[in-house]
Amino acid sequence: MSLLSKAQAPDAQGRIQHVTPERAGWRYVGFDAYLLKKGETLRLTSGDKELCLVLVAGLASVKTRHAEFPRIGKRMSPFERVPPYSVYVPHDDEVEVYADSDLELAVCNAPGQGNLPARLIAPADVGVEHRGKGRNQRLVHNILPDTEPADSLLVVEVYTNEGDTSSYPSHKHDQEESENETYLEETYYHRFDPEPGFAMQRVYTDDRSLDACMAPYNRDVVMVPRGYHPVATLAGYNNYYLNVMAGPVRLWKFSWEKDHAWVNSDSYPRTE
């Protein structure tokens, strides 16, 4: 099975990506992306899942059974590099999204128990981090980290400048019973500026029983069932990706690949 899901032309609902646990061959993470025209409405039910709706670009009014969030959104492109508006929707709820402008919407899902109310995640609620150094730097927006309430979902977006790496040094989170890791499935929804760009992403394990290298283009999704998963951008094209993670324990713990962990040390960047 390919770990790369290519973006499709919008269907009748405007959906361009549809990743389910059944399709990915795993148990927890689901991901959909939609492109809606101004004035269009999208209706969803959460069923046995919790949802995190991320306004990647554009303005929207969102309504659930018990809450309304009228005319939210600010950025018209993810490359404005300001945190997005998002909406958390619990298990067994209904949601209606009205596009107040052309809208790019990500719908992240994972198993939910319905114990939490629907809520708005405003830009001021999003933690902002600058990580790394040298050619291994990125800007991180923590939309739904493990320090904020949810049943399963972890959601974060990352910006990597042209010619840099991210999700690096290579790290993994694929062990269910480990002091050093948690088991978390993960998706990467890629965007590029300018749009014709692409990146290189490798997904691989220590024993190389899984070793796949892909070239995601604009709005493609890379699925990470296990193993390491670094991203390398190319000259001329800045990269954005939206990560969705979930597993049996809602905690992000990972381990570095030993061969490359030195990039975190004072030995990098190297000086001649």
C-alpha atoms as a PDB file:
ATOM      1  CA  MET A   1       0.000   0.000   0.000  1.00  0.00           C
ATOM      2  CA  SER A   2       1.269   3.469  -0.873  1.00  0.00           C
ATOM      3  CA  LEU A   3       1.818   5.851   2.029  1.00  0.00           C
ATOM      4  CA  LEU A   4       1.168   8.828  -0.279  1.00  0.00           C
ATOM      5  CA  SER A   5      -2.404  10.030  -0.828  1.00  0.00           C
ATOM      6  CA  LYS A   6      -2.569  12.329  -3.840  1.00  0.00           C
ATOM      7  CA  ALA A   7      -4.932  15.301  -3.776  1.00  0.00           C
ATOM      8  CA  GLN A   8      -8.065  14.733  -5.849  1.00  0.00           C
ATOM      9  CA  ALA A   9     -10.410  17.081  -7.675  1.00  0.00           C
ATOM     10  CA  PRO A  10     -13.160  18.238  -5.279  1.00  0.00           C
ATOM     11  CA  ASP A  11     -16.111  15.859  -5.050  1.00  0.00           C
ATOM     12  CA  ALA A  12     -19.728  16.980  -4.589  1.00  0.00           C
ATOM     13  CA  GLN A  13     -18.936  18.032  -1.003  1.00  0.00           C
ATOM     14  CA  GLY A  14     -15.672  19.746  -1.949  1.00  0.00           C
ATOM     15  CA  ARG A  15     -13.538  16.974  -0.453  1.00  0.00           C
ATOM     16  CA  ILE A  16     -10.044  16.545  -1.902  1.00  0.00           C
ATOM     17  CA  GLN A  17      -8.534  14.158   0.679  1.00  0.00           C
ATOM     18  CA  HIS A  18     -10.078  11.207   2.503  1.00  0.00           C
ATOM     19  CA  VAL A  19      -7.851   9.116   4.767  1.00  0.00           C
ATOM     20  CA  THR A  20      -9.569   6.562   7.006  1.00  0.00           C
ATOM     21  CA  PRO A  21      -8.111   3.988   9.415  1.00  0.00           C
ATOM     22  CA  GLU A  22      -9.323   1.279   7.042  1.00  0.00           C
ATOM     23  CA  ARG A  23      -7.523   2.818   4.085  1.00  0.00           C
ATOM     24  CA  ALA A  24      -4.343   3.500   6.060  1.00  0.00           C
ATOM     25  CA  GLY A  25      -4.309   0.070   7.706  1.00  0.00           C
ATOM     26  CA  TRP A  26      -4.276   1.432  11.235  1.00  0.00           C
ATOM     27  CA  ARG A  27      -6.675   2.081  14.144  1.00  0.00           C
ATOM     28  CA  TYR A  28      -6.944   5.727  15.135  1.00  0.00           C
ATOM     29  CA  VAL A  29      -6.280   8.635  12.752  1.00  0.00           C
ATOM     30  CA  GLY A  30      -8.639   9.920  10.076  1.00  0.00           C
ATOM     31  CA  PHE A  31      -8.161  13.005   7.919  1.00  0.00           C
ATOM     32  CA  ASP A  32     -10.210  14.876   5.312  1.00  0.00           C
ATOM     33  CA  ALA A  33      -9.550  18.121   3.461  1.00  0.00           C
ATOM     34  CA  TYR A  34     -12.147  20.261   1.698  1.00  0.00           C
ATOM     35  CA  LEU A  35     -12.110  23.197  -0.714  1.00  0.00           C
ATOM     36  CA  LEU A  36     -15.377  25.132  -0.435  1.00  0.00           C
ATOM     37  CA  LYS A  37     -16.476  28.101  -2.498  1.00  0.00           C
ATOM     38  CA  LYS A  38     -17.866  31.188  -0.787  1.00  0.00           C
ATOM     39  CA  GLY A  39     -21.493  30.543   0.161  1.00  0.00           C
ATOM     40  CA  GLU A  40     -21.234  26.741   0.231  1.00  0.00           C
ATOM     41  CA  THR A  41     -22.194  24.694   3.297  1.00  0.00           C
ATOM     42  CA  LEU A  42     -20.652  21.464   4.580  1.00  0.00           C
ATOM     43  CA  ARG A  43     -22.560  19.253   7.037  1.00  0.00           C
ATOM     44  CA  LEU A  44     -20.839  16.511   9.027  1.00  0.00           C
ATOM     45  CA  THR A  45     -21.645  14.135  11.880  1.00  0.00           C
ATOM     46  CA  SER A  46     -18.916  13.059  14.278  1.00  0.00           C
ATOM     47  CA  GLY A  47     -20.379   9.639  15.162  1.00  0.00           C
ATOM     48  CA  ASP A  48     -17.935   7.780  17.405  1.00  0.00           C
ATOM     49  CA  LYS A  49     -15.122  10.240  16.583  1.00  0.00           C
ATOM     50  CA  GLU A  50     -13.990  13.584  17.923  1.00  0.00           C
ATOM     51  CA  LEU A  51     -13.150  16.195  15.286  1.00  0.00           C
ATOM     52  CA  CYS A  52     -10.792  19.128  15.045  1.00  0.00           C
ATOM     53  CA  LEU A  53     -11.754  21.471  12.208  1.00  0.00           C
ATOM     54  CA  VAL A  54      -8.781  23.603  11.154  1.00  0.00           C
ATOM     55  CA  LEU A  55      -9.349  26.629   8.927  1.00  0.00           C
ATOM     56  CA  VAL A  56      -6.225  26.271   6.813  1.00  0.00           C
ATOM     57  CA  ALA A  57      -7.270  29.320   4.788  1.00  0.00           C
ATOM     58  CA  GLY A  58     -10.406  31.442   4.629  1.00  0.00           C
ATOM     59  CA  LEU A  59     -13.386  32.484   6.756  1.00  0.00           C
ATOM     60  CA  ALA A  60     -16.263  30.349   8.024  1.00  0.00           C
ATOM     61  CA  SER A  61     -19.229  30.195  10.383  1.00  0.00           C
ATOM     62  CA  VAL A  62     -19.404  26.936  12.342  1.00  0.00           C
ATOM     63  CA  LYS A  63     -22.413  25.566  14.197  1.00  0.00           C
ATOM     64  CA  THR A  64     -22.753  22.408  16.317  1.00  0.00           C
ATOM     65  CA  ARG A  65     -25.772  21.126  18.250  1.00  0.00           C
ATOM     66  CA  HIS A  66     -24.950  23.247  21.284  1.00  0.00           C
ATOM     67  CA  ALA A  67     -22.551  25.973  20.110  1.00  0.00           C
ATOM     68  CA  GLU A  68     -22.140  28.557  17.365  1.00  0.00           C
ATOM     69  CA  PHE A  69     -18.959  30.253  16.184  1.00  0.00           C
ATOM     70  CA  PRO A  70     -19.944  32.883  13.591  1.00  0.00           C
ATOM     71  CA  ARG A  71     -17.521  34.302  11.034  1.00  0.00           C
ATOM     72  CA  ILE A  72     -14.263  32.941  12.374  1.00  0.00           C
ATOM     73  CA  GLY A  73     -10.948  32.913  10.569  1.00  0.00           C
ATOM     74  CA  LYS A  74      -8.353  35.490   9.705  1.00  0.00           C
ATOM     75  CA  ARG A  75      -5.656  34.211   7.407  1.00  0.00           C
ATOM     76  CA  MET A  76      -6.396  33.741   3.725  1.00  0.00           C
ATOM     77  CA  SER A  77      -3.292  31.614   3.181  1.00  0.00           C
ATOM     78  CA  PRO A  78      -1.421  29.318   5.569  1.00  0.00           C
ATOM     79  CA  PHE A  79       1.762  31.073   4.478  1.00  0.00           C
ATOM     80  CA  GLU A  80       0.743  34.200   6.364  1.00  0.00           C
ATOM     81  CA  ARG A  81       2.296  32.196   9.233  1.00  0.00           C
ATOM     82  CA  VAL A  82      -0.188  33.283  11.874  1.00  0.00           C
ATOM     83  CA  PRO A  83      -2.012  30.657  13.970  1.00  0.00           C
ATOM     84  CA  PRO A  84      -5.328  29.439  12.564  1.00  0.00           C
ATOM     85  CA  TYR A  85      -8.833  29.314  13.963  1.00  0.00           C
ATOM     86  CA  SER A  86      -9.992  25.775  14.763  1.00  0.00           C
ATOM     87  CA  VAL A  87     -13.087  24.169  16.285  1.00  0.00           C
ATOM     88  CA  TYR A  88     -13.141  21.077  18.488  1.00  0.00           C
ATOM     89  CA  VAL A  89     -16.250  18.902  18.009  1.00  0.00           C
ATOM     90  CA  PRO A  90     -16.953  15.993  20.380  1.00  0.00           C
ATOM     91  CA  HIS A  91     -18.236  12.476  19.762  1.00  0.00           C
ATOM     92  CA  ASP A  92     -21.904  12.100  18.718  1.00  0.00           C
ATOM     93  CA  ASP A  93     -22.361  15.671  17.495  1.00  0.00           C
ATOM     94  CA  GLU A  94     -23.355  17.412  14.287  1.00  0.00           C
ATOM     95  CA  VAL A  95     -21.521  20.298  12.667  1.00  0.00           C
ATOM     96  CA  GLU A  96     -22.388  22.738   9.900  1.00  0.00           C
ATOM     97  CA  VAL A  97     -19.696  24.818   8.221  1.00  0.00           C
ATOM     98  CA  TYR A  98     -20.723  27.799   6.091  1.00  0.00           C
ATOM     99  CA  ALA A  99     -17.973  29.261   3.908  1.00  0.00           C
ATOM    100  CA  ASP A 100     -17.944  33.043   4.409  1.00  0.00           C
ATOM    101  CA  SER A 101     -15.158  33.152   1.809  1.00  0.00           C
ATOM    102  CA  ASP A 102     -13.417  30.558  -0.307  1.00  0.00           C
ATOM    103  CA  LEU A 103     -12.355  28.064   2.344  1.00  0.00           C
ATOM    104  CA  GLU A 104      -9.693  25.388   2.753  1.00  0.00           C
ATOM    105  CA  LEU A 105     -10.797  23.218   5.665  1.00  0.00           C
ATOM    106  CA  ALA A 106      -9.026  20.291   7.319  1.00  0.00           C
ATOM    107  CA  VAL A 107     -11.131  17.836   9.329  1.00  0.00           C
ATOM    108  CA  CYS A 108      -9.020  15.759  11.711  1.00  0.00           C
ATOM    109  CA  ASN A 109     -10.638  12.831  13.509  1.00  0.00           C
ATOM    110  CA  ALA A 110      -9.881  10.085  16.017  1.00  0.00           C
ATOM    111  CA  PRO A 111     -11.870   8.006  18.530  1.00  0.00           C
ATOM    112  CA  GLY A 112     -13.854  10.089  21.018  1.00  0.00           C
ATOM    113  CA  GLN A 113     -15.946   9.525  24.117  1.00  0.00           C
ATOM    114  CA  GLY A 114     -18.015  12.715  23.931  1.00  0.00           C
ATOM    115  CA  ASN A 115     -17.073  13.934  27.396  1.00  0.00           C
ATOM    116  CA  LEU A 116     -16.008  17.413  26.255  1.00  0.00           C
ATOM    117  CA  PRO A 117     -18.051  20.318  24.857  1.00  0.00           C
ATOM    118  CA  ALA A 118     -17.530  21.841  21.440  1.00  0.00           C
ATOM    119  CA  ARG A 119     -15.151  24.782  21.680  1.00  0.00           C
ATOM    120  CA  LEU A 120     -13.364  27.386  19.620  1.00  0.00           C
ATOM    121  CA  ILE A 121      -9.571  27.233  19.463  1.00  0.00           C
ATOM    122  CA  ALA A 122      -8.653  30.830  18.652  1.00  0.00           C
ATOM    123  CA  PRO A 123      -5.203  31.974  17.467  1.00  0.00           C
ATOM    124  CA  ALA A 124      -4.454  33.268  20.975  1.00  0.00           C
ATOM    125  CA  ASP A 125      -4.975  29.715  22.286  1.00  0.00           C
ATOM    126  CA  VAL A 126      -2.325  28.259  19.963  1.00  0.00           C
ATOM    127  CA  GLY A 127       1.204  27.821  21.290  1.00  0.00           C
ATOM    128  CA  VAL A 128       3.919  29.126  18.964  1.00  0.00           C
ATOM    129  CA  GLU A 129       7.439  27.664  18.950  1.00  0.00           C
ATOM    130  CA  HIS A 130      10.603  28.125  16.924  1.00  0.00           C
ATOM    131  CA  ARG A 131      12.566  24.868  16.913  1.00  0.00           C
ATOM    132  CA  GLY A 132      15.967  23.842  15.630  1.00  0.00           C
ATOM    133  CA  LYS A 133      19.020  25.639  14.283  1.00  0.00           C
ATOM    134  CA  GLY A 134      21.155  25.863  11.169  1.00  0.00           C
ATOM    135  CA  ARG A 135      19.397  24.267   8.195  1.00  0.00           C
ATOM    136  CA  ASN A 136      17.085  22.353  10.533  1.00  0.00           C
ATOM    137  CA  GLN A 137      14.669  25.069  11.676  1.00  0.00           C
ATOM    138  CA  ARG A 138      10.874  25.281  11.714  1.00  0.00           C
ATOM    139  CA  LEU A 139       7.996  27.357  13.034  1.00  0.00           C
ATOM    140  CA  VAL A 140       5.428  25.327  14.985  1.00  0.00           C
ATOM    141  CA  HIS A 141       1.788  26.106  15.857  1.00  0.00           C
ATOM    142  CA  ASN A 142       0.490  23.758  18.576  1.00  0.00           C
ATOM    143  CA  ILE A 143      -3.241  23.715  17.807  1.00  0.00           C
ATOM    144  CA  LEU A 144      -4.295  20.778  19.987  1.00  0.00           C
ATOM    145  CA  PRO A 145      -1.304  19.544  22.034  1.00  0.00           C
ATOM    146  CA  ASP A 146      -1.409  16.922  24.773  1.00  0.00           C
ATOM    147  CA  THR A 147      -1.605  19.699  27.386  1.00  0.00           C
ATOM    148  CA  GLU A 148      -5.068  20.745  26.120  1.00  0.00           C
ATOM    149  CA  PRO A 149      -8.267  18.690  26.557  1.00  0.00           C
ATOM    150  CA  ALA A 150      -9.270  16.095  23.966  1.00  0.00           C
ATOM    151  CA  ASP A 151      -9.891  12.355  23.972  1.00  0.00           C
ATOM    152  CA  SER A 152      -7.408  11.196  21.310  1.00  0.00           C
ATOM    153  CA  LEU A 153      -6.402  13.925  18.869  1.00  0.00           C
ATOM    154  CA  LEU A 154      -3.101  15.786  18.680  1.00  0.00           C
ATOM    155  CA  VAL A 155      -2.952  18.508  16.001  1.00  0.00           C
ATOM    156  CA  VAL A 156      -0.023  20.743  15.037  1.00  0.00           C
ATOM    157  CA  GLU A 157       1.097  22.722  11.989  1.00  0.00           C
ATOM    158  CA  VAL A 158       4.699  23.271  10.924  1.00  0.00           C
ATOM    159  CA  TYR A 159       6.458  25.677   8.542  1.00  0.00           C
ATOM    160  CA  THR A 160       9.803  24.794   6.977  1.00  0.00           C
ATOM    161  CA  ASN A 161      11.721  27.269   4.827  1.00  0.00           C
ATOM    162  CA  GLU A 162      13.122  26.366   1.430  1.00  0.00           C
ATOM    163  CA  GLY A 163      16.210  24.173   1.625  1.00  0.00           C
ATOM    164  CA  ASP A 164      15.679  23.202   5.281  1.00  0.00           C
ATOM    165  CA  THR A 165      14.701  19.969   7.007  1.00  0.00           C
ATOM    166  CA  SER A 166      12.071  19.289   9.662  1.00  0.00           C
ATOM    167  CA  SER A 167      10.723  16.305  11.571  1.00  0.00           C
ATOM    168  CA  TYR A 168      14.469  15.856  11.903  1.00  0.00           C
ATOM    169  CA  PRO A 169      16.723  14.533  13.347  1.00  0.00           C
ATOM    170  CA  SER A 170      14.700  11.473  12.459  1.00  0.00           C
ATOM    171  CA  HIS A 171      12.384  10.444  15.289  1.00  0.00           C
ATOM    172  CA  LYS A 172       9.682   7.849  15.829  1.00  0.00           C
ATOM    173  CA  HIS A 173       6.713   7.134  18.101  1.00  0.00           C
ATOM    174  CA  ASP A 174       5.572   3.586  17.355  1.00  0.00           C
ATOM    175  CA  GLN A 175       5.922   1.618  20.609  1.00  0.00           C
ATOM    176  CA  GLU A 176       2.839   0.872  22.728  1.00  0.00           C
ATOM    177  CA  GLU A 177       4.669  -0.285  25.849  1.00  0.00           C
ATOM    178  CA  SER A 178       7.788   1.802  26.218  1.00  0.00           C
ATOM    179  CA  GLU A 179       9.137   4.330  28.696  1.00  0.00           C
ATOM    180  CA  ASN A 180      10.585   6.366  25.829  1.00  0.00           C
ATOM    181  CA  GLU A 181       7.788   6.385  23.241  1.00  0.00           C
ATOM    182  CA  THR A 182       4.043   6.348  22.753  1.00  0.00           C
ATOM    183  CA  TYR A 183       2.304   4.719  19.803  1.00  0.00           C
ATOM    184  CA  LEU A 184       0.962   7.486  17.577  1.00  0.00           C
ATOM    185  CA  GLU A 185      -0.197   7.178  13.984  1.00  0.00           C
ATOM    186  CA  GLU A 186       0.354  10.357  11.978  1.00  0.00           C
ATOM    187  CA  THR A 187      -0.664  12.152   8.798  1.00  0.00           C
ATOM    188  CA  TYR A 188       1.079  15.044   7.025  1.00  0.00           C
ATOM    189  CA  TYR A 189      -1.055  17.375   4.884  1.00  0.00           C
ATOM    190  CA  HIS A 190       1.433  19.277   2.711  1.00  0.00           C
ATOM    191  CA  ARG A 191       1.182  22.756   1.184  1.00  0.00           C
ATOM    192  CA  PHE A 192       3.794  24.675  -0.797  1.00  0.00           C
ATOM    193  CA  ASP A 193       4.596  28.289  -1.615  1.00  0.00           C
ATOM    194  CA  PRO A 194       4.639  28.660  -4.558  1.00  0.00           C
ATOM    195  CA  GLU A 195       2.214  25.837  -5.317  1.00  0.00           C
ATOM    196  CA  PRO A 196       4.170  23.864  -7.958  1.00  0.00           C
ATOM    197  CA  GLY A 197       6.696  22.883  -5.277  1.00  0.00           C
ATOM    198  CA  PHE A 198       7.287  19.536  -3.644  1.00  0.00           C
ATOM    199  CA  ALA A 199       9.335  18.078  -0.808  1.00  0.00           C
ATOM    200  CA  MET A 200      10.977  14.751  -0.082  1.00  0.00           C
ATOM    201  CA  GLN A 201       9.710  12.676   2.826  1.00  0.00           C
ATOM    202  CA  ARG A 202      11.060   9.307   3.891  1.00  0.00           C
ATOM    203  CA  VAL A 203       9.257   6.828   6.185  1.00  0.00           C
ATOM    204  CA  TYR A 204      11.480   4.011   7.450  1.00  0.00           C
ATOM    205  CA  THR A 205      12.180   1.665  10.353  1.00  0.00           C
ATOM    206  CA  ASP A 206      15.444   0.584  11.966  1.00  0.00           C
ATOM    207  CA  ASP A 207      15.329  -2.826  10.282  1.00  0.00           C
ATOM    208  CA  ARG A 208      14.225  -1.272   6.943  1.00  0.00           C
ATOM    209  CA  SER A 209      11.194  -3.567   6.762  1.00  0.00           C
ATOM    210  CA  LEU A 210       9.521  -0.259   5.906  1.00  0.00           C
ATOM    211  CA  ASP A 211      11.559   2.135   3.770  1.00  0.00           C
ATOM    212  CA  ALA A 212       9.603   4.451   1.484  1.00  0.00           C
ATOM    213  CA  CYS A 213      10.635   7.787  -0.006  1.00  0.00           C
ATOM    214  CA  MET A 214       7.940  10.053  -1.442  1.00  0.00           C
ATOM    215  CA  ALA A 215       7.634  13.407  -3.186  1.00  0.00           C
ATOM    216  CA  PRO A 216       4.464  15.047  -1.813  1.00  0.00           C
ATOM    217  CA  TYR A 217       3.089  17.933  -3.863  1.00  0.00           C
ATOM    218  CA  ASN A 218       0.531  20.572  -2.913  1.00  0.00           C
ATOM    219  CA  ARG A 219      -2.327  19.159  -0.775  1.00  0.00           C
ATOM    220  CA  ASP A 220      -0.947  15.609  -0.814  1.00  0.00           C
ATOM    221  CA  VAL A 221      -1.014  13.558   2.399  1.00  0.00           C
ATOM    222  CA  VAL A 222       1.754  11.297   3.697  1.00  0.00           C
ATOM    223  CA  MET A 223       0.668   8.545   6.105  1.00  0.00           C
ATOM    224  CA  VAL A 224       3.101   7.449   8.828  1.00  0.00           C
ATOM    225  CA  PRO A 225       2.064   4.113  10.371  1.00  0.00           C
ATOM    226  CA  ARG A 226       5.399   3.590  12.135  1.00  0.00           C
ATOM    227  CA  GLY A 227       9.072   4.455  11.902  1.00  0.00           C
ATOM    228  CA  TYR A 228      11.036   7.635  11.275  1.00  0.00           C
ATOM    229  CA  HIS A 229       9.584  10.301   8.956  1.00  0.00           C
ATOM    230  CA  PRO A 230      11.863  13.292   8.146  1.00  0.00           C
ATOM    231  CA  VAL A 231      10.981  16.005   5.615  1.00  0.00           C
ATOM    232  CA  ALA A 232      13.428  17.837   3.339  1.00  0.00           C
ATOM    233  CA  THR A 233      12.355  20.921   1.396  1.00  0.00           C
ATOM    234  CA  LEU A 234      13.786  22.050  -1.938  1.00  0.00           C
ATOM    235  CA  ALA A 235      15.246  25.398  -2.942  1.00  0.00           C
ATOM    236  CA  GLY A 236      12.585  27.884  -4.007  1.00  0.00           C
ATOM    237  CA  TYR A 237       9.639  26.304  -2.168  1.00  0.00           C
ATOM    238  CA  ASN A 238       8.558  26.940   1.407  1.00  0.00           C
ATOM    239  CA  ASN A 239       6.634  24.087   3.000  1.00  0.00           C
ATOM    240  CA  TYR A 240       3.672  23.919   5.382  1.00  0.00           C
ATOM    241  CA  TYR A 241       2.251  20.741   6.811  1.00  0.00           C
ATOM    242  CA  LEU A 242      -0.600  19.952   9.163  1.00  0.00           C
ATOM    243  CA  ASN A 243       0.049  16.947  11.403  1.00  0.00           C
ATOM    244  CA  VAL A 244      -2.642  14.784  12.962  1.00  0.00           C
ATOM    245  CA  MET A 245      -1.640  12.167  15.545  1.00  0.00           C
ATOM    246  CA  ALA A 246      -3.586   9.729  17.711  1.00  0.00           C
ATOM    247  CA  GLY A 247      -3.065   6.451  19.536  1.00  0.00           C
ATOM    248  CA  PRO A 248      -4.122   4.514  22.630  1.00  0.00           C
ATOM    249  CA  VAL A 249      -2.445   7.041  24.961  1.00  0.00           C
ATOM    250  CA  ARG A 250      -2.812  10.774  24.306  1.00  0.00           C
ATOM    251  CA  LEU A 251       0.809  11.724  24.923  1.00  0.00           C
ATOM    252  CA  TRP A 252       3.566  12.676  22.479  1.00  0.00           C
ATOM    253  CA  LYS A 253       6.736  10.784  23.437  1.00  0.00           C
ATOM    254  CA  PHE A 254       9.336   9.900  20.824  1.00  0.00           C
ATOM    255  CA  SER A 255      12.899   8.686  20.395  1.00  0.00           C
ATOM    256  CA  TRP A 256      15.598   9.978  18.054  1.00  0.00           C
ATOM    257  CA  GLU A 257      17.404   7.843  15.498  1.00  0.00           C
ATOM    258  CA  LYS A 258      20.817   7.422  17.097  1.00  0.00           C
ATOM    259  CA  ASP A 259      22.868   8.017  13.935  1.00  0.00           C
ATOM    260  CA  HIS A 260      21.496  11.536  13.481  1.00  0.00           C
ATOM    261  CA  ALA A 261      20.738  12.708  17.021  1.00  0.00           C
ATOM    262  CA  TRP A 262      24.022  14.663  17.047  1.00  0.00           C
ATOM    263  CA  VAL A 263      22.301  17.357  14.952  1.00  0.00           C
ATOM    264  CA  ASN A 264      20.595  18.396  18.213  1.00  0.00           C
ATOM    265  CA  SER A 265      23.968  18.905  19.908  1.00  0.00           C
ATOM    266  CA  ASP A 266      26.409  21.806  20.024  1.00  0.00           C
ATOM    267  CA  SER A 267      28.370  20.059  17.251  1.00  0.00           C
ATOM    268  CA  TYR A 268      25.781  21.383  14.770  1.00  0.00           C
ATOM    269  CA  PRO A 269      25.954  23.623  12.832  1.00  0.00           C
ATOM    270  CA  ARG A 270      29.469  22.510  12.045  1.00  0.00           C
ATOM    271  CA  THR A 271      32.184  25.129  11.835  1.00  0.00           C
ATOM    272  CA  GLU A 272      35.228  24.619   9.646  1.00  0.00           C
END
